[in-house]
Amino acid sequence: MTRRPFRLRALLWLYGNANIAGCLLALAGPALLFAGVIDRGWLAITAGLYYAGYLMARRAPDIERRIEESLSAKETIERLDEIIRRARPHLTPEMTTHLTSVRESVVEVLPRLGGATMHDGDGYTVRETVLRYLPETLANYVALPPAFRVTQPLQNGRTARQLLGDQLALLDTKLREVVANVAASDAQALLANGKFLEAKFRQSDFLVQ
């Protein structure tokens, strides 16, 4: 795994919920000092309050990053629904609309792909999109501090929120094309869709330039 630059790691810490919670709780230290409740040792108490707040809020939202390949189509959809449910509070209405459409396309096409293997380029890549690319992309986004997602430029000056919106819109369009191609039994178009999805979503980390 590529080590992130120091500046990026510092920004993630600065914008992180743990640091914000620690700072807010630490404010109680000077407040208690000015109120005359504490005197000596107020600096150590303030540091302790910061650490307590940091520990309480440091856990990032947990979203599954991969769906097991051994699951049936029905079980895969159920697992995908759980991932979407956990991600939804962190998404904009437009993102949610695209994600709902993506889910509908997956429900339509996944049972028809069966147990696609690596040698079935089109079906395998669509399954990988559902099993790995989409869960990883959502998990990486949700793991970012909320303020960081909307303020820090990443790729081509676009924020994580903008990048995710673009990816979900594109994925929505491509999966609807896959549904149409499966219905028309258009093998060549399916192959092209599969290669596009693999190239576009192989890298799901917003922080990789």
N, C-alpha and C. Protein backbone atom coordinates (compact mmCIF):
# COMPACT_ATOMS: atom_id res chain seq x y z
N MET A 1 0.84 -1.20 0.00
CA MET A 1 0.00 0.00 0.00
C MET A 1 0.88 1.25 0.00
N THR A 2 0.60 2.22 -0.89
CA THR A 2 1.38 3.44 -1.00
C THR A 2 1.19 4.31 0.24
N ARG A 3 2.33 4.77 0.79
CA ARG A 3 2.25 5.62 1.98
C ARG A 3 1.78 7.01 1.57
N ARG A 4 0.78 7.50 2.28
CA ARG A 4 0.24 8.81 1.94
C ARG A 4 1.18 9.92 2.37
N PRO A 5 1.24 11.03 1.61
CA PRO A 5 2.10 12.15 1.98
C PRO A 5 1.75 12.68 3.36
N PHE A 6 2.77 13.26 4.03
CA PHE A 6 2.56 13.77 5.38
C PHE A 6 1.45 14.81 5.42
N ARG A 7 1.42 15.72 4.44
CA ARG A 7 0.39 16.77 4.43
C ARG A 7 -1.00 16.17 4.39
N LEU A 8 -1.19 15.14 3.57
CA LEU A 8 -2.50 14.51 3.45
C LEU A 8 -2.88 13.81 4.75
N ARG A 9 -1.93 13.11 5.37
CA ARG A 9 -2.21 12.46 6.64
C ARG A 9 -2.54 13.47 7.72
N ALA A 10 -1.85 14.62 7.69
CA ALA A 10 -2.11 15.67 8.67
C ALA A 10 -3.52 16.26 8.49
N LEU A 11 -3.92 16.44 7.23
CA LEU A 11 -5.26 16.98 6.96
C LEU A 11 -6.35 16.00 7.40
N LEU A 12 -6.13 14.71 7.14
CA LEU A 12 -7.11 13.70 7.55
C LEU A 12 -7.27 13.69 9.07
N TRP A 13 -6.14 13.85 9.78
CA TRP A 13 -6.21 13.92 11.25
C TRP A 13 -6.92 15.20 11.68
N LEU A 14 -6.57 16.32 11.06
CA LEU A 14 -7.14 17.61 11.46
C LEU A 14 -8.66 17.63 11.26
N TYR A 15 -9.13 17.10 10.13
CA TYR A 15 -10.56 17.10 9.82
C TYR A 15 -11.31 15.93 10.45
N GLY A 16 -10.58 15.01 11.05
CA GLY A 16 -11.21 13.80 11.58
C GLY A 16 -12.15 14.06 12.75
N ASN A 17 -13.17 13.23 12.85
CA ASN A 17 -14.13 13.36 13.95
C ASN A 17 -13.45 13.22 15.31
N ALA A 18 -12.41 12.37 15.38
CA ALA A 18 -11.74 12.16 16.66
C ALA A 18 -11.07 13.44 17.14
N ASN A 19 -10.36 14.13 16.24
CA ASN A 19 -9.69 15.37 16.63
C ASN A 19 -10.71 16.45 16.99
N ILE A 20 -11.78 16.56 16.20
CA ILE A 20 -12.81 17.57 16.49
C ILE A 20 -13.46 17.31 17.84
N ALA A 21 -13.80 16.04 18.10
CA ALA A 21 -14.41 15.69 19.39
C ALA A 21 -13.45 15.96 20.54
N GLY A 22 -12.16 15.65 20.33
CA GLY A 22 -11.17 15.90 21.37
C GLY A 22 -11.04 17.39 21.68
N CYS A 23 -11.02 18.22 20.63
CA CYS A 23 -10.91 19.67 20.83
C CYS A 23 -12.12 20.22 21.57
N LEU A 24 -13.30 19.74 21.19
CA LEU A 24 -14.52 20.23 21.84
C LEU A 24 -14.54 19.88 23.32
N LEU A 25 -14.18 18.64 23.63
CA LEU A 25 -14.18 18.23 25.04
C LEU A 25 -13.07 18.93 25.81
N ALA A 26 -11.94 19.19 25.14
CA ALA A 26 -10.82 19.86 25.81
C ALA A 26 -11.17 21.29 26.21
N LEU A 27 -12.13 21.90 25.51
CA LEU A 27 -12.54 23.26 25.87
C LEU A 27 -13.09 23.35 27.29
N ALA A 28 -13.53 22.20 27.81
CA ALA A 28 -14.05 22.20 29.18
C ALA A 28 -12.95 22.50 30.19
N GLY A 29 -11.68 22.19 29.82
CA GLY A 29 -10.57 22.45 30.74
C GLY A 29 -10.41 23.93 31.06
N PRO A 30 -10.19 24.80 30.06
CA PRO A 30 -10.10 26.24 30.35
C PRO A 30 -11.39 26.80 30.96
N ALA A 31 -12.55 26.25 30.55
CA ALA A 31 -13.81 26.73 31.12
C ALA A 31 -13.86 26.47 32.61
N LEU A 32 -13.43 25.27 33.02
CA LEU A 32 -13.41 24.94 34.45
C LEU A 32 -12.39 25.79 35.19
N LEU A 33 -11.27 26.11 34.52
CA LEU A 33 -10.25 26.95 35.15
C LEU A 33 -10.81 28.35 35.41
N PHE A 34 -11.43 28.95 34.40
CA PHE A 34 -11.98 30.29 34.56
C PHE A 34 -13.14 30.33 35.55
N ALA A 35 -13.83 29.21 35.69
CA ALA A 35 -14.94 29.15 36.63
C ALA A 35 -14.45 28.92 38.06
N GLY A 36 -13.16 28.65 38.23
CA GLY A 36 -12.61 28.44 39.56
C GLY A 36 -12.81 27.03 40.08
N VAL A 37 -13.27 26.11 39.24
CA VAL A 37 -13.49 24.73 39.67
C VAL A 37 -12.16 24.00 39.82
N ILE A 38 -11.22 24.28 38.92
CA ILE A 38 -9.90 23.65 38.99
C ILE A 38 -8.85 24.76 39.01
N ASP A 39 -7.64 24.40 39.43
CA ASP A 39 -6.55 25.39 39.47
C ASP A 39 -5.29 24.74 38.95
N ARG A 40 -4.51 24.19 39.86
CA ARG A 40 -3.30 23.52 39.43
C ARG A 40 -3.63 22.26 38.61
N GLY A 41 -2.79 22.01 37.65
CA GLY A 41 -2.97 20.81 36.84
C GLY A 41 -4.03 20.94 35.76
N TRP A 42 -4.51 22.18 35.51
CA TRP A 42 -5.58 22.34 34.52
C TRP A 42 -5.12 21.95 33.12
N LEU A 43 -3.82 22.15 32.84
CA LEU A 43 -3.30 21.81 31.51
C LEU A 43 -3.34 20.30 31.29
N ALA A 44 -2.96 19.55 32.35
CA ALA A 44 -2.99 18.09 32.25
C ALA A 44 -4.43 17.60 32.13
N ILE A 45 -5.35 18.25 32.86
CA ILE A 45 -6.77 17.88 32.77
C ILE A 45 -7.30 18.14 31.36
N THR A 46 -6.90 19.29 30.79
CA THR A 46 -7.33 19.62 29.43
C THR A 46 -6.82 18.58 28.44
N ALA A 47 -5.55 18.19 28.59
CA ALA A 47 -4.98 17.17 27.71
C ALA A 47 -5.72 15.84 27.87
N GLY A 48 -6.06 15.51 29.11
CA GLY A 48 -6.80 14.28 29.36
C GLY A 48 -8.18 14.31 28.74
N LEU A 49 -8.85 15.46 28.79
CA LEU A 49 -10.17 15.60 28.18
C LEU A 49 -10.09 15.45 26.66
N TYR A 50 -9.03 16.04 26.08
CA TYR A 50 -8.84 15.90 24.63
C TYR A 50 -8.68 14.42 24.27
N TYR A 51 -7.85 13.73 25.01
CA TYR A 51 -7.58 12.33 24.71
C TYR A 51 -8.84 11.48 24.86
N ALA A 52 -9.64 11.79 25.88
CA ALA A 52 -10.88 11.05 26.09
C ALA A 52 -11.84 11.27 24.92
N GLY A 53 -11.97 12.53 24.49
CA GLY A 53 -12.83 12.81 23.34
C GLY A 53 -12.33 12.15 22.09
N TYR A 54 -11.01 12.15 21.91
CA TYR A 54 -10.39 11.52 20.73
C TYR A 54 -10.69 10.04 20.69
N LEU A 55 -10.55 9.36 21.83
CA LEU A 55 -10.80 7.92 21.87
C LEU A 55 -12.26 7.59 21.61
N MET A 56 -13.16 8.41 22.11
CA MET A 56 -14.59 8.12 21.95
C MET A 56 -15.06 8.23 20.51
N ALA A 57 -14.40 9.08 19.72
CA ALA A 57 -14.90 9.36 18.36
C ALA A 57 -13.98 8.87 17.26
N ARG A 58 -12.92 8.15 17.60
CA ARG A 58 -11.94 7.84 16.57
C ARG A 58 -12.38 6.74 15.61
N ARG A 59 -13.38 5.95 15.96
CA ARG A 59 -13.78 4.84 15.11
C ARG A 59 -14.54 5.35 13.89
N ALA A 60 -14.05 5.03 12.70
CA ALA A 60 -14.70 5.44 11.46
C ALA A 60 -15.90 4.52 11.18
N PRO A 61 -16.89 5.01 10.43
CA PRO A 61 -18.03 4.16 10.07
C PRO A 61 -17.53 2.90 9.36
N ASP A 62 -18.09 1.76 9.72
CA ASP A 62 -17.63 0.49 9.20
C ASP A 62 -18.55 0.02 8.07
N ILE A 63 -18.00 -0.03 6.86
CA ILE A 63 -18.75 -0.53 5.71
C ILE A 63 -17.95 -1.66 5.08
N GLU A 64 -18.62 -2.75 4.81
CA GLU A 64 -17.97 -3.91 4.21
C GLU A 64 -17.33 -3.52 2.87
N ARG A 65 -16.08 -3.94 2.68
CA ARG A 65 -15.34 -3.55 1.48
C ARG A 65 -15.39 -4.58 0.37
N ARG A 66 -15.92 -5.73 0.64
CA ARG A 66 -16.03 -6.76 -0.39
C ARG A 66 -17.16 -7.71 -0.04
N ILE A 67 -17.87 -8.15 -1.06
CA ILE A 67 -18.93 -9.13 -0.88
C ILE A 67 -18.40 -10.48 -1.36
N GLU A 68 -18.63 -11.52 -0.58
CA GLU A 68 -18.08 -12.82 -0.91
C GLU A 68 -18.60 -13.35 -2.24
N GLU A 69 -17.70 -13.95 -3.02
CA GLU A 69 -18.06 -14.48 -4.33
C GLU A 69 -18.94 -15.71 -4.22
N SER A 70 -18.91 -16.39 -3.09
CA SER A 70 -19.64 -17.65 -2.95
C SER A 70 -21.13 -17.46 -2.70
N LEU A 71 -21.56 -16.22 -2.47
CA LEU A 71 -22.97 -15.97 -2.17
C LEU A 71 -23.83 -16.13 -3.42
N SER A 72 -25.08 -16.50 -3.21
CA SER A 72 -26.03 -16.56 -4.32
C SER A 72 -26.38 -15.14 -4.75
N ALA A 73 -27.05 -15.02 -5.90
CA ALA A 73 -27.45 -13.69 -6.37
C ALA A 73 -28.33 -13.00 -5.34
N LYS A 74 -29.26 -13.74 -4.73
CA LYS A 74 -30.16 -13.16 -3.74
C LYS A 74 -29.37 -12.69 -2.51
N GLU A 75 -28.43 -13.51 -2.06
CA GLU A 75 -27.63 -13.14 -0.88
C GLU A 75 -26.72 -11.95 -1.19
N THR A 76 -26.21 -11.90 -2.43
CA THR A 76 -25.37 -10.78 -2.84
C THR A 76 -26.15 -9.48 -2.81
N ILE A 77 -27.38 -9.50 -3.32
CA ILE A 77 -28.23 -8.31 -3.30
C ILE A 77 -28.52 -7.88 -1.87
N GLU A 78 -28.78 -8.83 -0.99
CA GLU A 78 -29.05 -8.50 0.41
C GLU A 78 -27.84 -7.84 1.05
N ARG A 79 -26.64 -8.36 0.75
CA ARG A 79 -25.42 -7.77 1.31
C ARG A 79 -25.19 -6.38 0.73
N LEU A 80 -25.46 -6.22 -0.56
CA LEU A 80 -25.31 -4.91 -1.19
C LEU A 80 -26.30 -3.91 -0.58
N ASP A 81 -27.52 -4.36 -0.29
CA ASP A 81 -28.51 -3.48 0.33
C ASP A 81 -28.03 -2.98 1.69
N GLU A 82 -27.35 -3.85 2.44
CA GLU A 82 -26.84 -3.45 3.76
C GLU A 82 -25.73 -2.40 3.61
N ILE A 83 -24.86 -2.59 2.61
CA ILE A 83 -23.80 -1.62 2.37
C ILE A 83 -24.39 -0.27 1.98
N ILE A 84 -25.39 -0.29 1.11
CA ILE A 84 -26.06 0.94 0.67
C ILE A 84 -26.74 1.62 1.86
N ARG A 85 -27.38 0.83 2.73
CA ARG A 85 -28.07 1.39 3.89
C ARG A 85 -27.07 2.12 4.80
N ARG A 86 -25.89 1.56 5.00
CA ARG A 86 -24.89 2.18 5.86
C ARG A 86 -24.29 3.43 5.21
N ALA A 87 -24.18 3.41 3.89
CA ALA A 87 -23.57 4.55 3.19
C ALA A 87 -24.53 5.70 3.00
N ARG A 88 -25.83 5.42 2.90
CA ARG A 88 -26.82 6.44 2.52
C ARG A 88 -26.77 7.71 3.37
N PRO A 89 -26.60 7.64 4.71
CA PRO A 89 -26.57 8.89 5.50
C PRO A 89 -25.43 9.84 5.11
N HIS A 90 -24.42 9.33 4.42
CA HIS A 90 -23.27 10.14 4.07
C HIS A 90 -23.34 10.66 2.63
N LEU A 91 -24.42 10.36 1.93
CA LEU A 91 -24.53 10.68 0.51
C LEU A 91 -25.51 11.83 0.27
N THR A 92 -25.32 12.53 -0.82
CA THR A 92 -26.25 13.58 -1.22
C THR A 92 -27.48 12.92 -1.86
N PRO A 93 -28.60 13.64 -1.98
CA PRO A 93 -29.78 13.08 -2.64
C PRO A 93 -29.48 12.61 -4.07
N GLU A 94 -28.66 13.34 -4.80
CA GLU A 94 -28.33 12.95 -6.17
C GLU A 94 -27.53 11.65 -6.19
N MET A 95 -26.57 11.52 -5.26
CA MET A 95 -25.82 10.27 -5.15
C MET A 95 -26.75 9.10 -4.84
N THR A 96 -27.68 9.33 -3.91
CA THR A 96 -28.61 8.27 -3.52
C THR A 96 -29.47 7.85 -4.69
N THR A 97 -29.90 8.80 -5.52
CA THR A 97 -30.70 8.48 -6.70
C THR A 97 -29.92 7.58 -7.65
N HIS A 98 -28.66 7.93 -7.91
CA HIS A 98 -27.83 7.10 -8.80
C HIS A 98 -27.59 5.72 -8.19
N LEU A 99 -27.33 5.69 -6.89
CA LEU A 99 -27.06 4.42 -6.22
C LEU A 99 -28.28 3.51 -6.25
N THR A 100 -29.47 4.09 -6.08
CA THR A 100 -30.71 3.32 -6.17
C THR A 100 -30.88 2.73 -7.57
N SER A 101 -30.56 3.53 -8.59
CA SER A 101 -30.65 3.06 -9.96
C SER A 101 -29.62 1.95 -10.23
N VAL A 102 -28.42 2.12 -9.68
CA VAL A 102 -27.39 1.08 -9.80
C VAL A 102 -27.89 -0.22 -9.19
N ARG A 103 -28.50 -0.12 -8.03
CA ARG A 103 -29.02 -1.31 -7.35
C ARG A 103 -30.08 -2.00 -8.21
N GLU A 104 -30.96 -1.21 -8.83
CA GLU A 104 -32.00 -1.78 -9.69
C GLU A 104 -31.39 -2.51 -10.89
N SER A 105 -30.34 -1.95 -11.46
CA SER A 105 -29.67 -2.60 -12.59
C SER A 105 -29.01 -3.90 -12.14
N VAL A 106 -28.40 -3.88 -10.96
CA VAL A 106 -27.75 -5.09 -10.43
C VAL A 106 -28.79 -6.19 -10.22
N VAL A 107 -29.94 -5.84 -9.65
CA VAL A 107 -31.01 -6.81 -9.42
C VAL A 107 -31.46 -7.42 -10.75
N GLU A 108 -31.47 -6.62 -11.80
CA GLU A 108 -31.92 -7.08 -13.11
C GLU A 108 -30.92 -8.00 -13.78
N VAL A 109 -29.63 -7.64 -13.69
CA VAL A 109 -28.64 -8.34 -14.50
C VAL A 109 -27.88 -9.44 -13.76
N LEU A 110 -27.69 -9.31 -12.45
CA LEU A 110 -26.84 -10.26 -11.72
C LEU A 110 -27.29 -11.72 -11.84
N PRO A 111 -28.59 -12.03 -11.68
CA PRO A 111 -28.99 -13.44 -11.80
C PRO A 111 -28.70 -14.03 -13.17
N ARG A 112 -28.65 -13.20 -14.20
CA ARG A 112 -28.40 -13.71 -15.55
C ARG A 112 -26.93 -14.03 -15.79
N LEU A 113 -26.06 -13.46 -14.97
CA LEU A 113 -24.64 -13.68 -15.16
C LEU A 113 -24.17 -14.99 -14.53
N GLY A 114 -24.96 -15.49 -13.59
CA GLY A 114 -24.62 -16.76 -12.95
C GLY A 114 -23.26 -16.71 -12.28
N GLY A 115 -22.53 -17.81 -12.35
CA GLY A 115 -21.20 -17.88 -11.72
C GLY A 115 -20.12 -17.50 -12.70
N ALA A 116 -20.16 -16.29 -13.20
CA ALA A 116 -19.16 -15.84 -14.17
C ALA A 116 -17.76 -15.97 -13.58
N THR A 117 -16.83 -16.48 -14.39
CA THR A 117 -15.45 -16.65 -13.94
C THR A 117 -14.55 -15.62 -14.61
N MET A 118 -13.30 -15.66 -14.26
CA MET A 118 -12.35 -14.70 -14.80
C MET A 118 -12.23 -14.81 -16.32
N HIS A 119 -12.55 -15.98 -16.87
CA HIS A 119 -12.45 -16.18 -18.31
C HIS A 119 -13.66 -15.59 -19.05
N ASP A 120 -14.73 -15.29 -18.32
CA ASP A 120 -15.91 -14.66 -18.92
C ASP A 120 -15.79 -13.16 -18.69
N GLY A 121 -14.94 -12.50 -19.50
CA GLY A 121 -14.55 -11.13 -19.23
C GLY A 121 -15.68 -10.19 -18.87
N ASP A 122 -16.77 -10.20 -19.64
CA ASP A 122 -17.86 -9.26 -19.41
C ASP A 122 -18.57 -9.52 -18.10
N GLY A 123 -19.09 -10.76 -17.93
CA GLY A 123 -19.83 -11.09 -16.72
C GLY A 123 -18.98 -11.00 -15.47
N TYR A 124 -17.73 -11.45 -15.58
CA TYR A 124 -16.84 -11.41 -14.41
C TYR A 124 -16.61 -9.98 -13.95
N THR A 125 -16.39 -9.06 -14.90
CA THR A 125 -16.12 -7.68 -14.53
C THR A 125 -17.33 -7.01 -13.91
N VAL A 126 -18.53 -7.31 -14.42
CA VAL A 126 -19.74 -6.77 -13.81
C VAL A 126 -19.89 -7.29 -12.39
N ARG A 127 -19.62 -8.58 -12.20
CA ARG A 127 -19.69 -9.14 -10.85
C ARG A 127 -18.65 -8.49 -9.93
N GLU A 128 -17.44 -8.24 -10.46
CA GLU A 128 -16.42 -7.59 -9.65
C GLU A 128 -16.84 -6.17 -9.27
N THR A 129 -17.54 -5.50 -10.17
CA THR A 129 -18.04 -4.16 -9.87
C THR A 129 -18.95 -4.20 -8.66
N VAL A 130 -19.81 -5.21 -8.63
CA VAL A 130 -20.78 -5.35 -7.52
C VAL A 130 -20.11 -5.88 -6.26
N LEU A 131 -19.24 -6.88 -6.43
CA LEU A 131 -18.64 -7.54 -5.28
C LEU A 131 -17.52 -6.74 -4.63
N ARG A 132 -16.77 -5.98 -5.46
CA ARG A 132 -15.59 -5.32 -4.92
C ARG A 132 -15.54 -3.82 -5.20
N TYR A 133 -15.64 -3.40 -6.45
CA TYR A 133 -15.41 -1.99 -6.78
C TYR A 133 -16.38 -1.06 -6.06
N LEU A 134 -17.67 -1.35 -6.14
CA LEU A 134 -18.66 -0.47 -5.51
C LEU A 134 -18.53 -0.45 -3.99
N PRO A 135 -18.46 -1.62 -3.32
CA PRO A 135 -18.29 -1.59 -1.85
C PRO A 135 -17.03 -0.85 -1.42
N GLU A 136 -15.90 -1.07 -2.12
CA GLU A 136 -14.66 -0.40 -1.74
C GLU A 136 -14.76 1.11 -1.93
N THR A 137 -15.39 1.53 -3.04
CA THR A 137 -15.52 2.95 -3.31
C THR A 137 -16.35 3.63 -2.22
N LEU A 138 -17.49 3.02 -1.86
CA LEU A 138 -18.34 3.59 -0.82
C LEU A 138 -17.63 3.60 0.53
N ALA A 139 -16.92 2.50 0.84
CA ALA A 139 -16.22 2.41 2.12
C ALA A 139 -15.12 3.46 2.21
N ASN A 140 -14.36 3.66 1.14
CA ASN A 140 -13.29 4.65 1.15
C ASN A 140 -13.85 6.06 1.32
N TYR A 141 -14.99 6.33 0.70
CA TYR A 141 -15.59 7.66 0.82
C TYR A 141 -16.09 7.91 2.24
N VAL A 142 -16.84 6.95 2.78
CA VAL A 142 -17.42 7.12 4.12
C VAL A 142 -16.33 7.22 5.18
N ALA A 143 -15.18 6.60 4.95
CA ALA A 143 -14.09 6.63 5.93
C ALA A 143 -13.44 8.01 6.01
N LEU A 144 -13.65 8.86 5.00
CA LEU A 144 -13.06 10.21 5.04
C LEU A 144 -13.83 11.09 6.01
N PRO A 145 -13.14 12.00 6.71
CA PRO A 145 -13.84 12.96 7.58
C PRO A 145 -14.85 13.77 6.76
N PRO A 146 -16.06 14.01 7.28
CA PRO A 146 -17.10 14.72 6.53
C PRO A 146 -16.65 16.06 5.97
N ALA A 147 -15.94 16.86 6.78
CA ALA A 147 -15.49 18.17 6.30
C ALA A 147 -14.45 18.03 5.20
N PHE A 148 -13.60 17.01 5.30
CA PHE A 148 -12.56 16.77 4.30
C PHE A 148 -13.20 16.45 2.95
N ARG A 149 -14.29 15.69 2.95
CA ARG A 149 -14.93 15.27 1.69
C ARG A 149 -15.35 16.45 0.83
N VAL A 150 -15.73 17.55 1.46
CA VAL A 150 -16.34 18.65 0.71
C VAL A 150 -15.43 19.87 0.56
N THR A 151 -14.25 19.85 1.20
CA THR A 151 -13.41 21.05 1.16
C THR A 151 -12.05 20.83 0.49
N GLN A 152 -11.52 19.62 0.55
CA GLN A 152 -10.16 19.40 0.07
C GLN A 152 -10.13 18.92 -1.38
N PRO A 153 -9.47 19.67 -2.27
CA PRO A 153 -9.37 19.22 -3.67
C PRO A 153 -8.44 18.01 -3.78
N LEU A 154 -8.85 17.03 -4.57
CA LEU A 154 -8.07 15.81 -4.72
C LEU A 154 -7.62 15.66 -6.17
N GLN A 155 -8.40 15.03 -6.99
CA GLN A 155 -8.03 14.80 -8.39
C GLN A 155 -8.60 15.92 -9.27
N ASN A 156 -7.71 16.58 -10.01
CA ASN A 156 -8.11 17.67 -10.91
C ASN A 156 -8.91 18.75 -10.18
N GLY A 157 -8.56 18.98 -8.92
CA GLY A 157 -9.21 20.03 -8.15
C GLY A 157 -10.59 19.69 -7.65
N ARG A 158 -11.03 18.45 -7.84
CA ARG A 158 -12.37 18.05 -7.42
C ARG A 158 -12.31 17.38 -6.06
N THR A 159 -13.34 17.63 -5.25
CA THR A 159 -13.39 17.06 -3.90
C THR A 159 -13.86 15.61 -3.96
N ALA A 160 -13.73 14.92 -2.83
CA ALA A 160 -14.18 13.53 -2.76
C ALA A 160 -15.67 13.43 -3.05
N ARG A 161 -16.46 14.39 -2.57
CA ARG A 161 -17.90 14.37 -2.84
C ARG A 161 -18.17 14.47 -4.34
N GLN A 162 -17.48 15.36 -5.01
CA GLN A 162 -17.67 15.51 -6.45
C GLN A 162 -17.21 14.27 -7.21
N LEU A 163 -16.09 13.70 -6.78
CA LEU A 163 -15.58 12.50 -7.44
C LEU A 163 -16.53 11.33 -7.28
N LEU A 164 -17.07 11.15 -6.08
CA LEU A 164 -18.02 10.06 -5.87
C LEU A 164 -19.28 10.28 -6.69
N GLY A 165 -19.77 11.52 -6.73
CA GLY A 165 -20.94 11.82 -7.54
C GLY A 165 -20.72 11.47 -9.00
N ASP A 166 -19.53 11.82 -9.52
CA ASP A 166 -19.20 11.49 -10.91
C ASP A 166 -19.16 9.99 -11.13
N GLN A 167 -18.54 9.27 -10.19
CA GLN A 167 -18.40 7.82 -10.35
C GLN A 167 -19.74 7.11 -10.30
N LEU A 168 -20.61 7.52 -9.38
CA LEU A 168 -21.92 6.88 -9.27
C LEU A 168 -22.77 7.18 -10.50
N ALA A 169 -22.69 8.40 -11.02
CA ALA A 169 -23.44 8.75 -12.23
C ALA A 169 -22.97 7.91 -13.41
N LEU A 170 -21.65 7.77 -13.53
CA LEU A 170 -21.09 6.98 -14.62
C LEU A 170 -21.44 5.49 -14.47
N LEU A 171 -21.33 4.99 -13.26
CA LEU A 171 -21.66 3.59 -13.00
C LEU A 171 -23.14 3.32 -13.29
N ASP A 172 -23.99 4.26 -12.92
CA ASP A 172 -25.42 4.16 -13.19
C ASP A 172 -25.66 4.02 -14.70
N THR A 173 -25.04 4.91 -15.48
CA THR A 173 -25.21 4.89 -16.94
C THR A 173 -24.72 3.58 -17.54
N LYS A 174 -23.54 3.13 -17.14
CA LYS A 174 -22.95 1.94 -17.72
C LYS A 174 -23.72 0.68 -17.35
N LEU A 175 -24.20 0.59 -16.11
CA LEU A 175 -24.95 -0.61 -15.73
C LEU A 175 -26.32 -0.65 -16.42
N ARG A 176 -26.92 0.51 -16.68
CA ARG A 176 -28.15 0.50 -17.46
C ARG A 176 -27.89 0.04 -18.89
N GLU A 177 -26.72 0.38 -19.42
CA GLU A 177 -26.33 -0.12 -20.73
C GLU A 177 -26.13 -1.64 -20.69
N VAL A 178 -25.53 -2.13 -19.61
CA VAL A 178 -25.33 -3.58 -19.45
C VAL A 178 -26.67 -4.30 -19.45
N VAL A 179 -27.64 -3.76 -18.71
CA VAL A 179 -28.97 -4.38 -18.67
C VAL A 179 -29.57 -4.47 -20.07
N ALA A 180 -29.46 -3.38 -20.84
CA ALA A 180 -30.00 -3.37 -22.20
C ALA A 180 -29.26 -4.36 -23.09
N ASN A 181 -27.94 -4.46 -22.93
CA ASN A 181 -27.16 -5.37 -23.76
C ASN A 181 -27.41 -6.83 -23.41
N VAL A 182 -27.62 -7.12 -22.12
CA VAL A 182 -27.95 -8.48 -21.71
C VAL A 182 -29.30 -8.88 -22.30
N ALA A 183 -30.25 -7.96 -22.22
CA ALA A 183 -31.58 -8.25 -22.77
C ALA A 183 -31.51 -8.48 -24.27
N ALA A 184 -30.60 -7.79 -24.96
CA ALA A 184 -30.48 -7.93 -26.41
C ALA A 184 -29.46 -9.01 -26.79
N SER A 185 -28.87 -9.65 -25.80
CA SER A 185 -27.84 -10.67 -26.02
C SER A 185 -26.70 -10.13 -26.89
N ASP A 186 -26.30 -8.88 -26.62
CA ASP A 186 -25.24 -8.22 -27.39
C ASP A 186 -23.90 -8.49 -26.71
N ALA A 187 -23.22 -9.57 -27.12
CA ALA A 187 -21.99 -9.99 -26.47
C ALA A 187 -20.87 -8.96 -26.63
N GLN A 188 -20.75 -8.36 -27.82
CA GLN A 188 -19.68 -7.41 -28.05
C GLN A 188 -19.84 -6.15 -27.20
N ALA A 189 -21.08 -5.66 -27.10
CA ALA A 189 -21.33 -4.49 -26.28
C ALA A 189 -21.08 -4.80 -24.81
N LEU A 190 -21.45 -6.00 -24.38
CA LEU A 190 -21.20 -6.41 -23.00
C LEU A 190 -19.70 -6.43 -22.70
N LEU A 191 -18.94 -6.96 -23.64
CA LEU A 191 -17.50 -7.02 -23.45
C LEU A 191 -16.91 -5.61 -23.30
N ALA A 192 -17.39 -4.68 -24.14
CA ALA A 192 -16.92 -3.30 -24.07
C ALA A 192 -17.29 -2.67 -22.73
N ASN A 193 -18.52 -2.92 -22.26
CA ASN A 193 -18.95 -2.40 -20.96
C ASN A 193 -18.08 -2.96 -19.84
N GLY A 194 -17.80 -4.26 -19.92
CA GLY A 194 -17.00 -4.89 -18.89
C GLY A 194 -15.61 -4.32 -18.80
N LYS A 195 -14.97 -4.12 -19.95
CA LYS A 195 -13.62 -3.54 -19.97
C LYS A 195 -13.63 -2.11 -19.44
N PHE A 196 -14.67 -1.36 -19.77
CA PHE A 196 -14.76 0.03 -19.30
C PHE A 196 -14.89 0.06 -17.78
N LEU A 197 -15.77 -0.77 -17.24
CA LEU A 197 -15.97 -0.79 -15.79
C LEU A 197 -14.70 -1.19 -15.06
N GLU A 198 -14.00 -2.17 -15.60
CA GLU A 198 -12.77 -2.62 -14.96
C GLU A 198 -11.74 -1.50 -14.94
N ALA A 199 -11.58 -0.80 -16.07
CA ALA A 199 -10.59 0.27 -16.16
C ALA A 199 -10.96 1.44 -15.25
N LYS A 200 -12.25 1.76 -15.17
CA LYS A 200 -12.69 2.94 -14.44
C LYS A 200 -12.69 2.73 -12.94
N PHE A 201 -13.08 1.54 -12.48
CA PHE A 201 -13.29 1.34 -11.04
C PHE A 201 -12.26 0.45 -10.39
N ARG A 202 -11.18 0.11 -11.12
CA ARG A 202 -10.14 -0.70 -10.48
C ARG A 202 -9.53 0.04 -9.29
N GLN A 203 -9.36 1.38 -9.44
CA GLN A 203 -8.83 2.21 -8.35
C GLN A 203 -9.99 2.92 -7.65
N SER A 204 -10.26 2.51 -6.41
CA SER A 204 -11.43 3.05 -5.70
C SER A 204 -11.05 3.99 -4.56
N ASP A 205 -9.74 4.26 -4.41
CA ASP A 205 -9.30 5.14 -3.32
C ASP A 205 -9.25 6.57 -3.81
N PHE A 206 -10.06 7.45 -3.24
CA PHE A 206 -10.12 8.85 -3.65
C PHE A 206 -8.79 9.56 -3.40
N LEU A 207 -7.97 9.05 -2.50
CA LEU A 207 -6.76 9.75 -2.11
C LEU A 207 -5.56 9.40 -2.97
N VAL A 208 -5.73 8.49 -3.91
CA VAL A 208 -4.65 8.14 -4.83
C VAL A 208 -4.72 9.07 -6.02
N GLN A 209 -3.66 9.82 -6.25
CA GLN A 209 -3.65 10.81 -7.33
C GLN A 209 -3.35 10.12 -8.66
